[in-house]
Amino acid sequence: MAKSAVPGVLERRHLIEGETGEAQALKIAEAYLAEDRLEEALIFLEKAGATERLTELRAGAAAAGDVFLLRSAARSMGESPSREEWVRVEAVAATAGRELYAADAHRQLEVEPED
């Protein structure tokens, strides 16, 4: 079994709390993405200022119906999810049988003003 390229728990904590350069943060984020550890990758994408990759992760979260990842990715970009993203998340989550995610997205649609 190959050794993982992602840092261990203690090292990760030091990297998050310390001064991590953008290039190093992006490299770590890519290692997490390669292992499909999206929430952890998000932290390092934000540290790297990787707006394009954050946008891709955000779109992927909406396409997967993942309320928590969508919300976190948008927050990392200093934004809130758009109405269109909530509509998509609700539809995908409902189709996938993820009732709690669909209900959460629906609640967000009820509080978001229409344009």
C-alpha atoms as a PDB file:
ATOM      1  CA  MET A   1       0.000   0.000   0.000  1.00  0.00           C
ATOM      2  CA  ALA A   2       1.424   3.381  -1.030  1.00  0.00           C
ATOM      3  CA  LYS A   3       2.035   6.061   1.561  1.00  0.00           C
ATOM      4  CA  SER A   4      -0.468   8.886   1.424  1.00  0.00           C
ATOM      5  CA  ALA A   5       0.780  12.274   0.178  1.00  0.00           C
ATOM      6  CA  VAL A   6      -1.440  14.140   2.630  1.00  0.00           C
ATOM      7  CA  PRO A   7      -0.016  15.340   5.927  1.00  0.00           C
ATOM      8  CA  GLY A   8      -0.750  13.568   9.188  1.00  0.00           C
ATOM      9  CA  VAL A   9      -3.178  15.033  11.692  1.00  0.00           C
ATOM     10  CA  LEU A  10      -0.627  16.953  13.758  1.00  0.00           C
ATOM     11  CA  GLU A  11       1.288  18.201  10.723  1.00  0.00           C
ATOM     12  CA  ARG A  12      -1.994  19.294   9.091  1.00  0.00           C
ATOM     13  CA  ARG A  13      -2.900  21.305  12.215  1.00  0.00           C
ATOM     14  CA  HIS A  14       0.489  23.068  12.120  1.00  0.00           C
ATOM     15  CA  LEU A  15       0.071  23.802   8.402  1.00  0.00           C
ATOM     16  CA  ILE A  16      -3.416  25.207   8.906  1.00  0.00           C
ATOM     17  CA  GLU A  17      -2.477  27.383  11.853  1.00  0.00           C
ATOM     18  CA  GLY A  18       0.964  28.418  10.616  1.00  0.00           C
ATOM     19  CA  GLU A  19       2.352  30.323   7.694  1.00  0.00           C
ATOM     20  CA  THR A  20       1.878  28.066   4.698  1.00  0.00           C
ATOM     21  CA  GLY A  21       2.883  29.512   1.337  1.00  0.00           C
ATOM     22  CA  GLU A  22       0.366  29.516  -1.496  1.00  0.00           C
ATOM     23  CA  ALA A  23       2.321  26.997  -3.591  1.00  0.00           C
ATOM     24  CA  GLN A  24       2.674  24.591  -0.663  1.00  0.00           C
ATOM     25  CA  ALA A  25      -1.007  24.992   0.282  1.00  0.00           C
ATOM     26  CA  LEU A  26      -2.058  24.262  -3.301  1.00  0.00           C
ATOM     27  CA  LYS A  27       0.147  21.161  -3.420  1.00  0.00           C
ATOM     28  CA  ILE A  28      -1.414  19.893  -0.186  1.00  0.00           C
ATOM     29  CA  ALA A  29      -4.911  20.681  -1.468  1.00  0.00           C
ATOM     30  CA  GLU A  30      -4.245  18.716  -4.650  1.00  0.00           C
ATOM     31  CA  ALA A  31      -3.089  15.734  -2.566  1.00  0.00           C
ATOM     32  CA  TYR A  32      -6.346  15.843  -0.605  1.00  0.00           C
ATOM     33  CA  LEU A  33      -8.353  16.169  -3.815  1.00  0.00           C
ATOM     34  CA  ALA A  34      -6.561  13.136  -5.248  1.00  0.00           C
ATOM     35  CA  GLU A  35      -7.827  11.150  -2.250  1.00  0.00           C
ATOM     36  CA  ASP A  36     -11.335  12.644  -2.580  1.00  0.00           C
ATOM     37  CA  ARG A  37     -10.993  14.354   0.823  1.00  0.00           C
ATOM     38  CA  LEU A  38     -12.819  17.470  -0.300  1.00  0.00           C
ATOM     39  CA  GLU A  39     -13.474  19.199   3.013  1.00  0.00           C
ATOM     40  CA  GLU A  40      -9.787  19.061   3.926  1.00  0.00           C
ATOM     41  CA  ALA A  41      -8.762  20.173   0.429  1.00  0.00           C
ATOM     42  CA  LEU A  42     -11.065  23.171   0.805  1.00  0.00           C
ATOM     43  CA  ILE A  43      -9.044  24.506   3.744  1.00  0.00           C
ATOM     44  CA  PHE A  44      -5.825  24.465   1.753  1.00  0.00           C
ATOM     45  CA  LEU A  45      -7.415  25.801  -1.438  1.00  0.00           C
ATOM     46  CA  GLU A  46      -8.559  28.786   0.611  1.00  0.00           C
ATOM     47  CA  LYS A  47      -5.054  29.239   2.064  1.00  0.00           C
ATOM     48  CA  ALA A  48      -3.643  29.069  -1.469  1.00  0.00           C
ATOM     49  CA  GLY A  49      -6.104  31.656  -2.771  1.00  0.00           C
ATOM     50  CA  ALA A  50      -7.001  29.157  -5.501  1.00  0.00           C
ATOM     51  CA  THR A  51     -10.229  30.798  -6.622  1.00  0.00           C
ATOM     52  CA  GLU A  52     -10.534  28.750  -9.803  1.00  0.00           C
ATOM     53  CA  ARG A  53     -10.180  25.456  -7.939  1.00  0.00           C
ATOM     54  CA  LEU A  54     -12.606  26.664  -5.233  1.00  0.00           C
ATOM     55  CA  THR A  55     -15.107  27.498  -7.992  1.00  0.00           C
ATOM     56  CA  GLU A  56     -14.712  23.980  -9.407  1.00  0.00           C
ATOM     57  CA  LEU A  57     -15.166  22.437  -5.966  1.00  0.00           C
ATOM     58  CA  ARG A  58     -18.233  24.600  -5.375  1.00  0.00           C
ATOM     59  CA  ALA A  59     -19.768  23.541  -8.699  1.00  0.00           C
ATOM     60  CA  GLY A  60     -19.021  19.917  -7.894  1.00  0.00           C
ATOM     61  CA  ALA A  61     -20.725  20.260  -4.523  1.00  0.00           C
ATOM     62  CA  ALA A  62     -23.853  21.659  -6.171  1.00  0.00           C
ATOM     63  CA  ALA A  63     -23.786  18.887  -8.783  1.00  0.00           C
ATOM     64  CA  ALA A  64     -23.463  16.264  -6.027  1.00  0.00           C
ATOM     65  CA  GLY A  65     -26.256  17.758  -3.917  1.00  0.00           C
ATOM     66  CA  ASP A  66     -23.832  18.347  -1.026  1.00  0.00           C
ATOM     67  CA  VAL A  67     -25.236  21.182   1.100  1.00  0.00           C
ATOM     68  CA  PHE A  68     -22.351  21.338   3.553  1.00  0.00           C
ATOM     69  CA  LEU A  69     -19.572  21.376   0.968  1.00  0.00           C
ATOM     70  CA  LEU A  70     -21.424  23.974  -1.129  1.00  0.00           C
ATOM     71  CA  ARG A  71     -21.888  26.219   1.878  1.00  0.00           C
ATOM     72  CA  SER A  72     -18.241  25.816   2.940  1.00  0.00           C
ATOM     73  CA  ALA A  73     -16.859  26.431  -0.549  1.00  0.00           C
ATOM     74  CA  ALA A  74     -18.976  29.562  -0.981  1.00  0.00           C
ATOM     75  CA  ARG A  75     -17.904  30.820   2.454  1.00  0.00           C
ATOM     76  CA  SER A  76     -14.256  30.238   1.507  1.00  0.00           C
ATOM     77  CA  MET A  77     -14.834  32.538  -1.445  1.00  0.00           C
ATOM     78  CA  GLY A  78     -16.460  35.175   0.776  1.00  0.00           C
ATOM     79  CA  GLU A  79     -19.879  34.528  -0.731  1.00  0.00           C
ATOM     80  CA  SER A  80     -23.144  32.776  -0.093  1.00  0.00           C
ATOM     81  CA  PRO A  81     -24.490  30.099  -2.439  1.00  0.00           C
ATOM     82  CA  SER A  82     -26.667  31.520  -5.190  1.00  0.00           C
ATOM     83  CA  ARG A  83     -30.342  30.754  -5.606  1.00  0.00           C
ATOM     84  CA  GLU A  84     -29.500  28.676  -8.691  1.00  0.00           C
ATOM     85  CA  GLU A  85     -27.035  26.607  -6.667  1.00  0.00           C
ATOM     86  CA  TRP A  86     -29.646  25.939  -3.982  1.00  0.00           C
ATOM     87  CA  VAL A  87     -32.185  24.898  -6.657  1.00  0.00           C
ATOM     88  CA  ARG A  88     -29.657  22.487  -8.135  1.00  0.00           C
ATOM     89  CA  VAL A  89     -28.639  21.061  -4.759  1.00  0.00           C
ATOM     90  CA  GLU A  90     -32.273  20.536  -3.788  1.00  0.00           C
ATOM     91  CA  ALA A  91     -33.060  18.718  -7.038  1.00  0.00           C
ATOM     92  CA  VAL A  92     -29.973  16.509  -6.965  1.00  0.00           C
ATOM     93  CA  ALA A  93     -30.324  15.688  -3.280  1.00  0.00           C
ATOM     94  CA  ALA A  94     -34.018  14.837  -3.673  1.00  0.00           C
ATOM     95  CA  THR A  95     -33.284  12.589  -6.655  1.00  0.00           C
ATOM     96  CA  ALA A  96     -30.510  10.836  -4.725  1.00  0.00           C
ATOM     97  CA  GLY A  97     -32.803  10.241  -1.733  1.00  0.00           C
ATOM     98  CA  ARG A  98     -30.858  12.620   0.497  1.00  0.00           C
ATOM     99  CA  GLU A  99     -33.947  14.096   2.097  1.00  0.00           C
ATOM    100  CA  LEU A 100     -32.149  16.104   4.793  1.00  0.00           C
ATOM    101  CA  TYR A 101     -29.907  17.829   2.240  1.00  0.00           C
ATOM    102  CA  ALA A 102     -32.893  18.503  -0.012  1.00  0.00           C
ATOM    103  CA  ALA A 103     -34.859  19.946   2.920  1.00  0.00           C
ATOM    104  CA  ASP A 104     -31.926  22.143   3.956  1.00  0.00           C
ATOM    105  CA  ALA A 105     -31.565  23.475   0.413  1.00  0.00           C
ATOM    106  CA  HIS A 106     -35.324  24.078   0.245  1.00  0.00           C
ATOM    107  CA  ARG A 107     -35.191  26.088   3.486  1.00  0.00           C
ATOM    108  CA  GLN A 108     -32.430  28.231   1.982  1.00  0.00           C
ATOM    109  CA  LEU A 109     -34.633  28.896  -1.038  1.00  0.00           C
ATOM    110  CA  GLU A 110     -37.443  30.037   1.228  1.00  0.00           C
ATOM    111  CA  VAL A 111     -35.230  32.616   2.965  1.00  0.00           C
ATOM    112  CA  GLU A 112     -33.359  33.800  -0.137  1.00  0.00           C
ATOM    113  CA  PRO A 113     -35.085  36.630  -1.982  1.00  0.00           C
ATOM    114  CA  GLU A 114     -35.806  36.032  -5.649  1.00  0.00           C
ATOM    115  CA  ASP A 115     -33.984  38.285  -8.085  1.00  0.00           C
END
